[in-house]
PDB file of all heavy atoms in Angstrom:
ATOM      1  N   ALA A   1      17.237  71.086  57.131  1.00  0.00           N
ATOM      2  CA  ALA A   1      16.041  71.344  57.933  1.00  0.00           C
ATOM      3  C   ALA A   1      14.919  71.984  57.132  1.00  0.00           C
ATOM      4  O   ALA A   1      13.756  71.963  57.511  1.00  0.00           O
ATOM      5  CB  ALA A   1      16.410  72.249  59.093  1.00  0.00           C
ATOM      6  N   ILE A   2      15.237  72.568  55.933  1.00  0.00           N
ATOM      7  CA  ILE A   2      14.222  73.237  55.149  1.00  0.00           C
ATOM      8  C   ILE A   2      13.896  72.542  53.853  1.00  0.00           C
ATOM      9  O   ILE A   2      13.234  73.114  52.975  1.00  0.00           O
ATOM     10  CB  ILE A   2      14.541  74.741  54.915  1.00  0.00           C
ATOM     11  CG1 ILE A   2      15.854  74.890  54.148  1.00  0.00           C
ATOM     12  CG2 ILE A   2      14.616  75.484  56.230  1.00  0.00           C
ATOM     13  CD1 ILE A   2      16.143  76.339  53.761  1.00  0.00           C
ATOM     14  N   VAL A   3      14.358  71.296  53.685  1.00  0.00           N
ATOM     15  CA  VAL A   3      14.070  70.557  52.463  1.00  0.00           C
ATOM     16  C   VAL A   3      12.556  70.481  52.219  1.00  0.00           C
ATOM     17  O   VAL A   3      12.072  70.776  51.109  1.00  0.00           O
ATOM     18  CB  VAL A   3      14.678  69.159  52.510  1.00  0.00           C
ATOM     19  CG1 VAL A   3      14.109  68.250  51.420  1.00  0.00           C
ATOM     20  CG2 VAL A   3      16.207  69.248  52.351  1.00  0.00           C
ATOM     21  N   ASP A   4      11.832  70.044  53.219  1.00  0.00           N
ATOM     22  CA  ASP A   4      10.368  69.884  53.024  1.00  0.00           C
ATOM     23  C   ASP A   4       9.687  71.152  52.634  1.00  0.00           C
ATOM     24  O   ASP A   4       8.623  71.128  51.974  1.00  0.00           O
ATOM     25  CB  ASP A   4       9.755  69.292  54.256  1.00  0.00           C
ATOM     26  CG  ASP A   4      10.112  67.828  54.515  1.00  0.00           C
ATOM     27  OD1 ASP A   4      10.533  67.167  53.531  1.00  0.00           O
ATOM     28  OD2 ASP A   4      10.017  67.369  55.643  1.00  0.00           O
ATOM     29  N   SER A   5      10.226  72.282  53.066  1.00  0.00           N
ATOM     30  CA  SER A   5       9.606  73.588  52.786  1.00  0.00           C
ATOM     31  C   SER A   5      10.004  74.188  51.449  1.00  0.00           C
ATOM     32  O   SER A   5       9.422  75.206  51.043  1.00  0.00           O
ATOM     33  CB  SER A   5       9.935  74.573  53.913  1.00  0.00           C
ATOM     34  OG  SER A   5       9.442  74.112  55.144  1.00  0.00           O
ATOM     35  N   THR A   6      11.044  73.607  50.817  1.00  0.00           N
ATOM     36  CA  THR A   6      11.544  74.200  49.595  1.00  0.00           C
ATOM     37  C   THR A   6      11.556  73.281  48.378  1.00  0.00           C
ATOM     38  O   THR A   6      11.727  73.741  47.257  1.00  0.00           O
ATOM     39  CB  THR A   6      12.981  74.706  49.803  1.00  0.00           C
ATOM     40  OG1 THR A   6      13.825  73.564  50.212  1.00  0.00           O
ATOM     41  CG2 THR A   6      13.051  75.779  50.857  1.00  0.00           C
ATOM     42  N   VAL A   7      11.316  71.989  48.585  1.00  0.00           N
ATOM     43  CA  VAL A   7      11.408  71.037  47.513  1.00  0.00           C
ATOM     44  C   VAL A   7      10.395  71.335  46.361  1.00  0.00           C
ATOM     45  O   VAL A   7      10.645  71.041  45.203  1.00  0.00           O
ATOM     46  CB  VAL A   7      11.242  69.588  47.992  1.00  0.00           C
ATOM     47  CG1 VAL A   7       9.878  69.326  48.548  1.00  0.00           C
ATOM     48  CG2 VAL A   7      11.584  68.558  46.902  1.00  0.00           C
ATOM     49  N   SER A   8       9.300  71.977  46.715  1.00  0.00           N
ATOM     50  CA  SER A   8       8.270  72.217  45.678  1.00  0.00           C
ATOM     51  C   SER A   8       8.672  73.317  44.706  1.00  0.00           C
ATOM     52  O   SER A   8       8.211  73.354  43.557  1.00  0.00           O
ATOM     53  CB  SER A   8       6.956  72.608  46.372  1.00  0.00           C
ATOM     54  OG  SER A   8       7.073  73.860  47.077  1.00  0.00           O
ATOM     55  N   PHE A   9       9.539  74.240  45.127  1.00  0.00           N
ATOM     56  CA  PHE A   9       9.895  75.368  44.228  1.00  0.00           C
ATOM     57  C   PHE A   9      11.343  75.468  43.831  1.00  0.00           C
ATOM     58  O   PHE A   9      11.724  76.335  43.029  1.00  0.00           O
ATOM     59  CB  PHE A   9       9.377  76.689  44.803  1.00  0.00           C
ATOM     60  CG  PHE A   9      10.023  77.129  46.085  1.00  0.00           C
ATOM     61  CD1 PHE A   9      11.221  77.823  46.109  1.00  0.00           C
ATOM     62  CD2 PHE A   9       9.374  76.871  47.299  1.00  0.00           C
ATOM     63  CE1 PHE A   9      11.801  78.253  47.298  1.00  0.00           C
ATOM     64  CE2 PHE A   9       9.929  77.295  48.512  1.00  0.00           C
ATOM     65  CZ  PHE A   9      11.142  77.965  48.499  1.00  0.00           C
ATOM     66  N   LEU A  10      12.221  74.573  44.384  1.00  0.00           N
ATOM     67  CA  LEU A  10      13.618  74.555  43.990  1.00  0.00           C
ATOM     68  C   LEU A  10      13.833  73.335  43.081  1.00  0.00           C
ATOM     69  O   LEU A  10      13.106  72.354  43.136  1.00  0.00           O
ATOM     70  CB  LEU A  10      14.535  74.527  45.189  1.00  0.00           C
ATOM     71  CG  LEU A  10      14.489  75.752  46.085  1.00  0.00           C
ATOM     72  CD1 LEU A  10      15.405  75.588  47.289  1.00  0.00           C
ATOM     73  CD2 LEU A  10      14.895  76.998  45.295  1.00  0.00           C
ATOM     74  N   ASP A  11      14.870  73.398  42.252  1.00  0.00           N
ATOM     75  CA  ASP A  11      15.035  72.442  41.186  1.00  0.00           C
ATOM     76  C   ASP A  11      15.975  71.296  41.471  1.00  0.00           C
ATOM     77  O   ASP A  11      16.037  70.322  40.719  1.00  0.00           O
ATOM     78  CB  ASP A  11      15.503  73.157  39.918  1.00  0.00           C
ATOM     79  CG  ASP A  11      14.510  74.240  39.521  1.00  0.00           C
ATOM     80  OD1 ASP A  11      13.336  73.892  39.226  1.00  0.00           O
ATOM     81  OD2 ASP A  11      14.862  75.439  39.456  1.00  0.00           O
ATOM     82  N   TRP A  12      16.743  71.377  42.544  1.00  0.00           N
ATOM     83  CA  TRP A  12      17.627  70.293  42.977  1.00  0.00           C
ATOM     84  C   TRP A  12      18.154  70.600  44.374  1.00  0.00           C
ATOM     85  O   TRP A  12      17.948  71.700  44.885  1.00  0.00           O
ATOM     86  CB  TRP A  12      18.847  70.175  42.044  1.00  0.00           C
ATOM     87  CG  TRP A  12      19.723  71.336  41.961  1.00  0.00           C
ATOM     88  CD1 TRP A  12      20.602  71.769  42.891  1.00  0.00           C
ATOM     89  CD2 TRP A  12      19.781  72.338  40.926  1.00  0.00           C
ATOM     90  NE1 TRP A  12      21.231  72.956  42.516  1.00  0.00           N
ATOM     91  CE2 TRP A  12      20.721  73.322  41.302  1.00  0.00           C
ATOM     92  CE3 TRP A  12      19.108  72.497  39.701  1.00  0.00           C
ATOM     93  CZ2 TRP A  12      21.002  74.406  40.502  1.00  0.00           C
ATOM     94  CZ3 TRP A  12      19.391  73.572  38.931  1.00  0.00           C
ATOM     95  CH2 TRP A  12      20.324  74.536  39.333  1.00  0.00           C
ATOM     96  N   SER A  13      18.841  69.649  44.936  1.00  0.00           N
ATOM     97  CA  SER A  13      19.608  69.840  46.182  1.00  0.00           C
ATOM     98  C   SER A  13      21.090  69.622  45.892  1.00  0.00           C
ATOM     99  O   SER A  13      21.412  68.655  45.179  1.00  0.00           O
ATOM    100  CB  SER A  13      19.108  68.913  47.260  1.00  0.00           C
ATOM    101  OG  SER A  13      20.047  68.799  48.310  1.00  0.00           O
ATOM    102  N   VAL A  14      21.950  70.461  46.375  1.00  0.00           N
ATOM    103  CA  VAL A  14      23.377  70.169  46.432  1.00  0.00           C
ATOM    104  C   VAL A  14      23.683  69.910  47.918  1.00  0.00           C
ATOM    105  O   VAL A  14      23.461  70.739  48.766  1.00  0.00           O
ATOM    106  CB  VAL A  14      24.238  71.320  45.924  1.00  0.00           C
ATOM    107  CG1 VAL A  14      25.729  71.005  46.181  1.00  0.00           C
ATOM    108  CG2 VAL A  14      24.032  71.521  44.432  1.00  0.00           C
ATOM    109  N   ASN A  15      24.189  68.701  48.177  1.00  0.00           N
ATOM    110  CA  ASN A  15      24.502  68.317  49.567  1.00  0.00           C
ATOM    111  C   ASN A  15      25.949  67.946  49.699  1.00  0.00           C
ATOM    112  O   ASN A  15      26.519  67.209  48.867  1.00  0.00           O
ATOM    113  CB  ASN A  15      23.629  67.166  50.032  1.00  0.00           C
ATOM    114  CG  ASN A  15      24.154  66.610  51.356  1.00  0.00           C
ATOM    115  OD1 ASN A  15      24.851  65.623  51.367  1.00  0.00           O
ATOM    116  ND2 ASN A  15      23.897  67.287  52.453  1.00  0.00           N
ATOM    117  N   GLU A  16      26.548  68.426  50.800  1.00  0.00           N
ATOM    118  CA  GLU A  16      27.922  67.983  51.181  1.00  0.00           C
ATOM    119  C   GLU A  16      27.813  67.184  52.458  1.00  0.00           C
ATOM    120  O   GLU A  16      27.197  67.602  53.419  1.00  0.00           O
ATOM    121  CB  GLU A  16      28.786  69.225  51.422  1.00  0.00           C
ATOM    122  CG  GLU A  16      28.979  70.111  50.204  1.00  0.00           C
ATOM    123  CD  GLU A  16      29.642  71.440  50.564  1.00  0.00           C
ATOM    124  OE1 GLU A  16      28.991  72.268  51.238  1.00  0.00           O
ATOM    125  OE2 GLU A  16      30.820  71.580  50.228  1.00  0.00           O
ATOM    126  N   GLN A  17      28.430  66.021  52.401  1.00  0.00           N
ATOM    127  CA  GLN A  17      28.771  65.261  53.627  1.00  0.00           C
ATOM    128  C   GLN A  17      27.580  64.681  54.369  1.00  0.00           C
ATOM    129  O   GLN A  17      27.658  64.474  55.598  1.00  0.00           O
ATOM    130  CB  GLN A  17      29.602  66.143  54.558  1.00  0.00           C
ATOM    131  CG  GLN A  17      30.938  66.603  53.925  1.00  0.00           C
ATOM    132  CD  GLN A  17      31.601  67.729  54.695  1.00  0.00           C
ATOM    133  OE1 GLN A  17      31.225  68.893  54.553  1.00  0.00           O
ATOM    134  NE2 GLN A  17      32.590  67.370  55.533  1.00  0.00           N
ATOM    135  N   CYS A  18      26.525  64.350  53.684  1.00  0.00           N
ATOM    136  CA  CYS A  18      25.392  63.781  54.449  1.00  0.00           C
ATOM    137  C   CYS A  18      25.712  62.365  54.959  1.00  0.00           C
ATOM    138  O   CYS A  18      25.113  61.912  55.961  1.00  0.00           O
ATOM    139  CB  CYS A  18      24.104  63.769  53.612  1.00  0.00           C
ATOM    140  SG  CYS A  18      24.003  62.609  52.234  1.00  0.00           S
ATOM    141  N   ILE A  19      26.618  61.654  54.305  1.00  0.00           N
ATOM    142  CA  ILE A  19      27.063  60.380  54.863  1.00  0.00           C
ATOM    143  C   ILE A  19      27.858  60.583  56.130  1.00  0.00           C
ATOM    144  O   ILE A  19      27.618  59.948  57.178  1.00  0.00           O
ATOM    145  CB  ILE A  19      27.883  59.558  53.812  1.00  0.00           C
ATOM    146  CG1 ILE A  19      26.958  58.961  52.750  1.00  0.00           C
ATOM    147  CG2 ILE A  19      28.709  58.467  54.494  1.00  0.00           C
ATOM    148  CD1 ILE A  19      26.081  57.833  53.270  1.00  0.00           C
ATOM    149  N   GLU A  20      28.786  61.519  56.057  1.00  0.00           N
ATOM    150  CA  GLU A  20      29.651  61.821  57.236  1.00  0.00           C
ATOM    151  C   GLU A  20      28.780  62.222  58.443  1.00  0.00           C
ATOM    152  O   GLU A  20      29.059  61.826  59.577  1.00  0.00           O
ATOM    153  CB  GLU A  20      30.649  62.915  56.875  1.00  0.00           C
ATOM    154  CG  GLU A  20      31.570  63.281  58.025  1.00  0.00           C
ATOM    155  CD  GLU A  20      32.507  64.399  57.658  1.00  0.00           C
ATOM    156  OE1 GLU A  20      32.612  64.785  56.470  1.00  0.00           O
ATOM    157  OE2 GLU A  20      33.112  64.990  58.601  1.00  0.00           O
ATOM    158  N   PHE A  21      27.755  63.019  58.169  1.00  0.00           N
ATOM    159  CA  PHE A  21      26.917  63.531  59.269  1.00  0.00           C
ATOM    160  C   PHE A  21      25.651  62.717  59.466  1.00  0.00           C
ATOM    161  O   PHE A  21      24.810  63.095  60.272  1.00  0.00           O
ATOM    162  CB  PHE A  21      26.546  64.991  58.959  1.00  0.00           C
ATOM    163  CG  PHE A  21      27.747  65.897  58.885  1.00  0.00           C
ATOM    164  CD1 PHE A  21      27.904  66.811  57.857  1.00  0.00           C
ATOM    165  CD2 PHE A  21      28.782  65.822  59.811  1.00  0.00           C
ATOM    166  CE1 PHE A  21      28.964  67.663  57.759  1.00  0.00           C
ATOM    167  CE2 PHE A  21      29.903  66.635  59.730  1.00  0.00           C
ATOM    168  CZ  PHE A  21      29.993  67.600  58.726  1.00  0.00           C
ATOM    169  N   GLU A  22      25.513  61.612  58.730  1.00  0.00           N
ATOM    170  CA  GLU A  22      24.386  60.676  58.890  1.00  0.00           C
ATOM    171  C   GLU A  22      23.030  61.375  58.758  1.00  0.00           C
ATOM    172  O   GLU A  22      22.141  61.248  59.632  1.00  0.00           O
ATOM    173  CB  GLU A  22      24.501  59.949  60.250  1.00  0.00           C
ATOM    174  CG  GLU A  22      25.761  59.151  60.403  1.00  0.00           C
ATOM    175  CD  GLU A  22      25.883  58.381  61.709  1.00  0.00           C
ATOM    176  OE1 GLU A  22      25.122  58.765  62.647  1.00  0.00           O
ATOM    177  OE2 GLU A  22      26.684  57.467  61.827  1.00  0.00           O
ATOM    178  N   GLU A  23      22.861  62.103  57.641  1.00  0.00           N
ATOM    179  CA  GLU A  23      21.605  62.846  57.454  1.00  0.00           C
ATOM    180  C   GLU A  23      21.113  62.781  56.028  1.00  0.00           C
ATOM    181  O   GLU A  23      20.333  63.650  55.587  1.00  0.00           O
ATOM    182  CB  GLU A  23      21.809  64.311  57.867  1.00  0.00           C
ATOM    183  CG  GLU A  23      22.885  65.028  57.112  1.00  0.00           C
ATOM    184  CD  GLU A  23      23.095  66.476  57.579  1.00  0.00           C
ATOM    185  OE1 GLU A  23      22.580  66.833  58.664  1.00  0.00           O
ATOM    186  OE2 GLU A  23      23.746  67.207  56.826  1.00  0.00           O
ATOM    187  N   CYS A  24      21.497  61.743  55.275  1.00  0.00           N
ATOM    188  CA  CYS A  24      21.105  61.674  53.846  1.00  0.00           C
ATOM    189  C   CYS A  24      19.584  61.557  53.674  1.00  0.00           C
ATOM    190  O   CYS A  24      19.054  62.065  52.650  1.00  0.00           O
ATOM    191  CB  CYS A  24      21.819  60.534  53.147  1.00  0.00           C
ATOM    192  SG  CYS A  24      23.604  60.818  53.021  1.00  0.00           S
ATOM    193  N   ASP A  25      18.938  60.925  54.605  1.00  0.00           N
ATOM    194  CA  ASP A  25      17.465  60.815  54.451  1.00  0.00           C
ATOM    195  C   ASP A  25      16.735  62.144  54.394  1.00  0.00           C
ATOM    196  O   ASP A  25      15.650  62.242  53.808  1.00  0.00           O
ATOM    197  CB  ASP A  25      16.906  60.026  55.665  1.00  0.00           C
ATOM    198  CG  ASP A  25      17.226  58.547  55.631  1.00  0.00           C
ATOM    199  OD1 ASP A  25      17.604  58.074  54.523  1.00  0.00           O
ATOM    200  OD2 ASP A  25      17.080  57.857  56.643  1.00  0.00           O
ATOM    201  N   LEU A  26      17.382  63.210  54.937  1.00  0.00           N
ATOM    202  CA  LEU A  26      16.724  64.518  54.893  1.00  0.00           C
ATOM    203  C   LEU A  26      16.537  65.003  53.470  1.00  0.00           C
ATOM    204  O   LEU A  26      15.596  65.777  53.179  1.00  0.00           O
ATOM    205  CB  LEU A  26      17.569  65.533  55.647  1.00  0.00           C
ATOM    206  CG  LEU A  26      17.691  65.404  57.171  1.00  0.00           C
ATOM    207  CD1 LEU A  26      18.651  66.451  57.738  1.00  0.00           C
ATOM    208  CD2 LEU A  26      16.298  65.513  57.805  1.00  0.00           C
ATOM    209  N   PHE A  27      17.366  64.574  52.530  1.00  0.00           N
ATOM    210  CA  PHE A  27      17.365  65.070  51.185  1.00  0.00           C
ATOM    211  C   PHE A  27      16.575  64.201  50.226  1.00  0.00           C
ATOM    212  O   PHE A  27      16.418  64.556  49.031  1.00  0.00           O
ATOM    213  CB  PHE A  27      18.803  65.298  50.731  1.00  0.00           C
ATOM    214  CG  PHE A  27      19.546  66.219  51.647  1.00  0.00           C
ATOM    215  CD1 PHE A  27      20.295  65.704  52.694  1.00  0.00           C
ATOM    216  CD2 PHE A  27      19.452  67.612  51.520  1.00  0.00           C
ATOM    217  CE1 PHE A  27      20.937  66.519  53.611  1.00  0.00           C
ATOM    218  CE2 PHE A  27      20.100  68.452  52.417  1.00  0.00           C
ATOM    219  CZ  PHE A  27      20.857  67.886  53.446  1.00  0.00           C
ATOM    220  N   ALA A  28      16.098  63.049  50.692  1.00  0.00           N
ATOM    221  CA  ALA A  28      15.324  62.156  49.811  1.00  0.00           C
ATOM    222  C   ALA A  28      14.107  62.763  49.209  1.00  0.00           C
ATOM    223  O   ALA A  28      13.721  62.356  48.095  1.00  0.00           O
ATOM    224  CB  ALA A  28      14.959  60.893  50.615  1.00  0.00           C
ATOM    225  N   PRO A  29      13.417  63.754  49.798  1.00  0.00           N
ATOM    226  CA  PRO A  29      12.236  64.332  49.124  1.00  0.00           C
ATOM    227  C   PRO A  29      12.544  64.880  47.725  1.00  0.00           C
ATOM    228  O   PRO A  29      11.638  64.859  46.893  1.00  0.00           O
ATOM    229  CB  PRO A  29      11.831  65.422  50.106  1.00  0.00           C
ATOM    230  CG  PRO A  29      12.172  64.903  51.463  1.00  0.00           C
ATOM    231  CD  PRO A  29      13.486  64.211  51.223  1.00  0.00           C
ATOM    232  N   PHE A  30      13.757  65.356  47.507  1.00  0.00           N
ATOM    233  CA  PHE A  30      14.108  65.779  46.137  1.00  0.00           C
ATOM    234  C   PHE A  30      14.068  64.600  45.132  1.00  0.00           C
ATOM    235  O   PHE A  30      13.526  64.721  44.038  1.00  0.00           O
ATOM    236  CB  PHE A  30      15.476  66.472  46.121  1.00  0.00           C
ATOM    237  CG  PHE A  30      15.382  67.933  46.495  1.00  0.00           C
ATOM    238  CD1 PHE A  30      15.569  68.293  47.814  1.00  0.00           C
ATOM    239  CD2 PHE A  30      15.129  68.896  45.556  1.00  0.00           C
ATOM    240  CE1 PHE A  30      15.489  69.651  48.186  1.00  0.00           C
ATOM    241  CE2 PHE A  30      15.058  70.250  45.907  1.00  0.00           C
ATOM    242  CZ  PHE A  30      15.239  70.617  47.241  1.00  0.00           C
ATOM    243  N   ILE A  31      14.646  63.481  45.556  1.00  0.00           N
ATOM    244  CA  ILE A  31      14.590  62.305  44.714  1.00  0.00           C
ATOM    245  C   ILE A  31      13.180  61.868  44.469  1.00  0.00           C
ATOM    246  O   ILE A  31      12.772  61.539  43.325  1.00  0.00           O
ATOM    247  CB  ILE A  31      15.425  61.145  45.325  1.00  0.00           C
ATOM    248  CG1 ILE A  31      16.875  61.564  45.477  1.00  0.00           C
ATOM    249  CG2 ILE A  31      15.284  59.882  44.461  1.00  0.00           C
ATOM    250  CD1 ILE A  31      17.627  61.877  44.209  1.00  0.00           C
ATOM    251  N   GLU A  32      12.382  61.875  45.523  1.00  0.00           N
ATOM    252  CA  GLU A  32      10.967  61.444  45.390  1.00  0.00           C
ATOM    253  C   GLU A  32      10.187  62.375  44.445  1.00  0.00           C
ATOM    254  O   GLU A  32       9.231  61.938  43.839  1.00  0.00           O
ATOM    255  CB  GLU A  32      10.310  61.431  46.760  1.00  0.00           C
ATOM    256  CG  GLU A  32      10.895  60.377  47.682  1.00  0.00           C
ATOM    257  CD  GLU A  32      10.588  60.583  49.164  1.00  0.00           C
ATOM    258  OE1 GLU A  32       9.834  61.565  49.471  1.00  0.00           O
ATOM    259  OE2 GLU A  32      11.086  59.838  49.997  1.00  0.00           O
ATOM    260  N   ALA A  33      10.617  63.635  44.359  1.00  0.00           N
ATOM    261  CA  ALA A  33      10.011  64.611  43.461  1.00  0.00           C
ATOM    262  C   ALA A  33      10.570  64.567  42.052  1.00  0.00           C
ATOM    263  O   ALA A  33      10.228  65.361  41.187  1.00  0.00           O
ATOM    264  CB  ALA A  33      10.139  66.027  44.016  1.00  0.00           C
ATOM    265  N   GLY A  34      11.515  63.610  41.811  1.00  0.00           N
ATOM    266  CA  GLY A  34      12.133  63.484  40.491  1.00  0.00           C
ATOM    267  C   GLY A  34      13.227  64.481  40.236  1.00  0.00           C
ATOM    268  O   GLY A  34      13.627  64.693  39.076  1.00  0.00           O
ATOM    269  N   LYS A  35      13.757  65.111  41.300  1.00  0.00           N
ATOM    270  CA  LYS A  35      14.780  66.145  41.192  1.00  0.00           C
ATOM    271  C   LYS A  35      16.109  65.607  41.725  1.00  0.00           C
ATOM    272  O   LYS A  35      16.137  64.806  42.621  1.00  0.00           O
ATOM    273  CB  LYS A  35      14.364  67.398  41.968  1.00  0.00           C
ATOM    274  CG  LYS A  35      13.027  67.974  41.468  1.00  0.00           C
ATOM    275  CD  LYS A  35      12.605  69.168  42.298  1.00  0.00           C
ATOM    276  CE  LYS A  35      11.256  69.746  41.834  1.00  0.00           C
ATOM    277  NZ  LYS A  35      10.832  70.964  42.588  1.00  0.00           N
ATOM    278  N   PRO A  36      17.250  66.090  41.198  1.00  0.00           N
ATOM    279  CA  PRO A  36      18.546  65.550  41.615  1.00  0.00           C
ATOM    280  C   PRO A  36      18.934  65.936  43.020  1.00  0.00           C
ATOM    281  O   PRO A  36      18.552  67.035  43.504  1.00  0.00           O
ATOM    282  CB  PRO A  36      19.519  66.168  40.628  1.00  0.00           C
ATOM    283  CG  PRO A  36      18.708  66.772  39.548  1.00  0.00           C
ATOM    284  CD  PRO A  36      17.371  67.065  40.112  1.00  0.00           C
ATOM    285  N   VAL A  37      19.663  65.047  43.659  1.00  0.00           N
ATOM    286  CA  VAL A  37      20.491  65.416  44.813  1.00  0.00           C
ATOM    287  C   VAL A  37      21.931  65.294  44.363  1.00  0.00           C
ATOM    288  O   VAL A  37      22.434  64.165  44.157  1.00  0.00           O
ATOM    289  CB  VAL A  37      20.210  64.539  46.021  1.00  0.00           C
ATOM    290  CG1 VAL A  37      21.198  64.870  47.165  1.00  0.00           C
ATOM    291  CG2 VAL A  37      18.772  64.666  46.516  1.00  0.00           C
ATOM    292  N   PHE A  38      22.579  66.431  44.099  1.00  0.00           N
ATOM    293  CA  PHE A  38      23.967  66.462  43.761  1.00  0.00           C
ATOM    294  C   PHE A  38      24.793  66.371  45.035  1.00  0.00           C
ATOM    295  O   PHE A  38      24.781  67.297  45.855  1.00  0.00           O
ATOM    296  CB  PHE A  38      24.275  67.767  42.992  1.00  0.00           C
ATOM    297  CG  PHE A  38      23.571  67.889  41.665  1.00  0.00           C
ATOM    298  CD1 PHE A  38      22.705  68.948  41.410  1.00  0.00           C
ATOM    299  CD2 PHE A  38      23.779  66.958  40.673  1.00  0.00           C
ATOM    300  CE1 PHE A  38      22.072  69.071  40.191  1.00  0.00           C
ATOM    301  CE2 PHE A  38      23.152  67.056  39.412  1.00  0.00           C
ATOM    302  CZ  PHE A  38      22.290  68.152  39.196  1.00  0.00           C
TER     303      PHE A  38
END
């Protein structure tokens, strides 16, 4: 829920289970910013 508010100053996202919970699109802004989604 806070990806859009933090992607500018954090260096990556670590995500667990976004496939299971059907929410992977939420973390795409990190990829779009050239930052990893682990």
